[in-house]
Amino acid sequence: MAEKQEPAFSIQRIYVKDVSFEAPHVPHIFLEEWKPDINMQMDNTVNVIDEAGVYDVQLKVNVTARLGDKTAYIAEAVQGGIFLITGFPDQDRIRLTGSVCPDMLYSYIREVISGLVVKASFPAFLLNPVNFDYLYQKRRREQGQPEATAAGA
């Protein structure tokens, strides 16, 4: 009989995979009153690196700031993390990679996006907090799957 493996969760590495910034109307956009419409898109992906429980989770954020019909800037980044996740039931592992890991990566990507915006000489911008557990549960409902509790039940 196989020995039951104790659950283990750890961050192996946090990295920036991709960064892009465009400001198509600089410098003239700086002369306009700064009341932008901000649109943020976010997505995450999960890839198995090793069947022994090593996962690559990537969080992609795209922020577009518009002044009327002009794009002030587009900031995009992909923040990744390599996580060791072993000994968890499938449902818990899926919740970890779909909610907990992106939540951990979010603080890093917030800093990347904020830094890009400030370095381009636009007013400071900080992404609002995100409830990744809510987004995970919402996605499960949309896919017709039962909600998962914090314990994975």
Protein backbone atom coordinates (compact mmCIF):
# COMPACT_ATOMS: atom_id res chain seq x y z
CA MET A 1 0.00 0.00 0.00
CA ALA A 2 1.36 3.42 -1.01
CA GLU A 3 2.22 5.86 1.73
CA LYS A 4 0.03 8.96 1.79
CA GLN A 5 2.06 12.04 0.90
CA GLU A 6 1.84 15.01 3.26
CA PRO A 7 0.52 18.15 1.55
CA ALA A 8 3.25 20.61 0.56
CA PHE A 9 2.92 24.04 -1.02
CA SER A 10 5.87 26.33 -1.68
CA ILE A 11 7.05 29.03 -4.05
CA GLN A 12 10.08 27.93 -6.02
CA ARG A 13 10.54 31.09 -8.09
CA ILE A 14 8.78 34.35 -8.99
CA TYR A 15 9.64 35.91 -12.35
CA VAL A 16 8.58 38.49 -14.94
CA LYS A 17 7.92 36.81 -18.28
CA ASP A 18 6.82 39.74 -20.43
CA VAL A 19 6.47 43.51 -20.11
CA SER A 20 5.11 45.97 -22.65
CA PHE A 21 4.34 49.67 -22.48
CA GLU A 22 3.03 51.92 -25.23
CA ALA A 23 2.21 55.62 -25.07
CA PRO A 24 1.21 56.49 -28.62
CA HIS A 25 0.25 60.13 -28.03
CA VAL A 26 3.20 61.26 -25.90
CA PRO A 27 4.17 64.06 -25.48
CA HIS A 28 0.97 65.83 -26.61
CA ILE A 29 -1.26 63.76 -24.28
CA PHE A 30 0.50 65.43 -21.31
CA LEU A 31 -1.17 68.73 -22.26
CA GLU A 32 -4.67 67.31 -21.76
CA GLU A 33 -6.61 67.22 -18.50
CA TRP A 34 -5.88 63.91 -16.78
CA LYS A 35 -9.28 62.23 -16.32
CA PRO A 36 -8.66 58.86 -17.93
CA ASP A 37 -10.98 55.95 -18.51
CA ILE A 38 -9.08 52.92 -17.23
CA ASN A 39 -9.76 49.42 -18.52
CA MET A 40 -8.08 46.42 -16.95
CA GLN A 41 -8.08 42.89 -18.35
CA MET A 42 -6.66 39.97 -16.41
CA ASP A 43 -6.13 36.28 -17.08
CA ASN A 44 -4.08 33.45 -15.64
CA THR A 45 -2.72 30.20 -17.02
CA VAL A 46 -1.44 27.06 -15.33
CA ASN A 47 1.06 24.64 -16.83
CA VAL A 48 2.49 21.45 -15.38
CA ILE A 49 6.29 21.61 -15.40
CA ASP A 50 6.90 18.30 -13.68
CA GLU A 51 4.50 15.49 -12.82
CA ALA A 52 6.06 15.48 -9.34
CA GLY A 53 3.94 18.56 -8.54
CA VAL A 54 5.77 21.52 -10.04
CA TYR A 55 3.44 24.08 -11.65
CA ASP A 56 4.03 27.27 -13.61
CA VAL A 57 1.28 29.80 -12.93
CA GLN A 58 1.23 33.00 -14.97
CA LEU A 59 -0.87 36.09 -14.35
CA LYS A 60 -1.34 38.50 -17.25
CA VAL A 61 -2.61 42.05 -16.71
CA ASN A 62 -3.36 44.60 -19.40
CA VAL A 63 -4.21 48.19 -18.41
CA THR A 64 -5.38 50.71 -21.01
CA ALA A 65 -5.81 54.39 -20.11
CA ARG A 66 -7.79 56.52 -22.55
CA LEU A 67 -8.50 60.23 -22.69
CA GLY A 68 -11.54 60.53 -24.92
CA ASP A 69 -10.71 58.85 -28.21
CA LYS A 70 -6.93 58.85 -27.56
CA THR A 71 -5.01 56.07 -25.89
CA ALA A 72 -2.78 57.58 -23.22
CA TYR A 73 -1.01 54.31 -22.51
CA ILE A 74 -1.23 50.55 -22.62
CA ALA A 75 0.69 48.70 -19.91
CA GLU A 76 0.88 44.94 -20.04
CA ALA A 77 2.81 42.44 -17.97
CA VAL A 78 2.96 38.71 -17.40
CA GLN A 79 4.11 37.72 -13.92
CA GLY A 80 4.92 34.08 -13.35
CA GLY A 81 5.60 31.80 -10.48
CA ILE A 82 6.85 28.26 -10.17
CA PHE A 83 5.10 26.44 -7.33
CA LEU A 84 5.59 23.05 -5.72
CA ILE A 85 2.16 21.61 -4.94
CA THR A 86 2.07 18.01 -3.77
CA GLY A 87 -0.09 15.77 -1.62
CA PHE A 88 -3.33 17.72 -2.16
CA PRO A 89 -6.53 16.25 -3.58
CA ASP A 90 -7.17 17.41 -7.17
CA GLN A 91 -9.90 19.85 -6.12
CA ASP A 92 -7.58 21.57 -3.62
CA ARG A 93 -4.69 21.65 -6.10
CA ILE A 94 -6.93 23.26 -8.73
CA ARG A 95 -8.05 25.88 -6.20
CA LEU A 96 -4.43 26.59 -5.23
CA THR A 97 -3.36 27.13 -8.86
CA GLY A 98 -6.56 28.99 -9.76
CA SER A 99 -6.87 31.30 -6.76
CA VAL A 100 -4.03 31.20 -4.23
CA CYS A 101 -1.10 31.33 -6.69
CA PRO A 102 -2.53 34.21 -8.79
CA ASP A 103 -3.24 36.08 -5.55
CA MET A 104 0.42 35.71 -4.56
CA LEU A 105 1.58 36.92 -7.98
CA TYR A 106 -0.74 39.93 -7.98
CA SER A 107 1.33 42.07 -5.60
CA TYR A 108 4.33 41.62 -7.89
CA ILE A 109 2.45 42.52 -11.06
CA ARG A 110 0.90 45.56 -9.34
CA GLU A 111 4.41 46.84 -8.72
CA VAL A 112 5.49 46.17 -12.32
CA ILE A 113 2.49 47.99 -13.84
CA SER A 114 2.77 50.90 -11.39
CA GLY A 115 6.48 51.28 -12.15
CA LEU A 116 5.88 51.34 -15.90
CA VAL A 117 3.23 54.05 -15.60
CA VAL A 118 5.31 56.29 -13.31
CA LYS A 119 8.50 55.86 -15.36
CA ALA A 120 6.56 57.00 -18.44
CA SER A 121 5.77 60.25 -16.55
CA PHE A 122 2.06 59.59 -16.07
CA PRO A 123 0.32 60.14 -12.72
CA ALA A 124 0.84 57.31 -10.25
CA PHE A 125 -1.44 54.34 -10.79
CA LEU A 126 -1.96 51.34 -8.55
CA LEU A 127 -4.16 48.39 -9.44
CA ASN A 128 -7.04 47.88 -7.03
CA PRO A 129 -7.04 44.79 -4.83
CA VAL A 130 -8.62 41.71 -6.40
CA ASN A 131 -10.48 38.88 -4.66
CA PHE A 132 -9.07 35.90 -6.55
CA ASP A 133 -11.11 33.41 -4.55
CA TYR A 134 -14.31 35.15 -5.68
CA LEU A 135 -13.12 35.12 -9.33
CA TYR A 136 -12.21 31.44 -9.02
CA GLN A 137 -15.64 30.56 -7.59
CA LYS A 138 -17.37 32.66 -10.26
CA ARG A 139 -15.48 30.86 -13.02
CA ARG A 140 -16.44 27.49 -11.51
CA ARG A 141 -20.12 28.51 -11.44
CA GLU A 142 -19.93 29.70 -15.07
CA GLN A 143 -18.46 26.32 -16.03
CA GLY A 144 -21.28 24.52 -14.16
CA GLN A 145 -18.99 23.18 -11.44
CA PRO A 146 -19.90 23.14 -7.74
CA GLU A 147 -18.40 25.82 -5.52
CA ALA A 148 -15.30 24.81 -3.59
CA THR A 149 -14.93 25.76 0.05
CA ALA A 150 -11.66 26.94 1.54
CA ALA A 151 -11.07 23.33 2.63
CA GLY A 152 -11.73 22.14 -0.90
CA ALA A 153 -15.03 20.41 -0.08
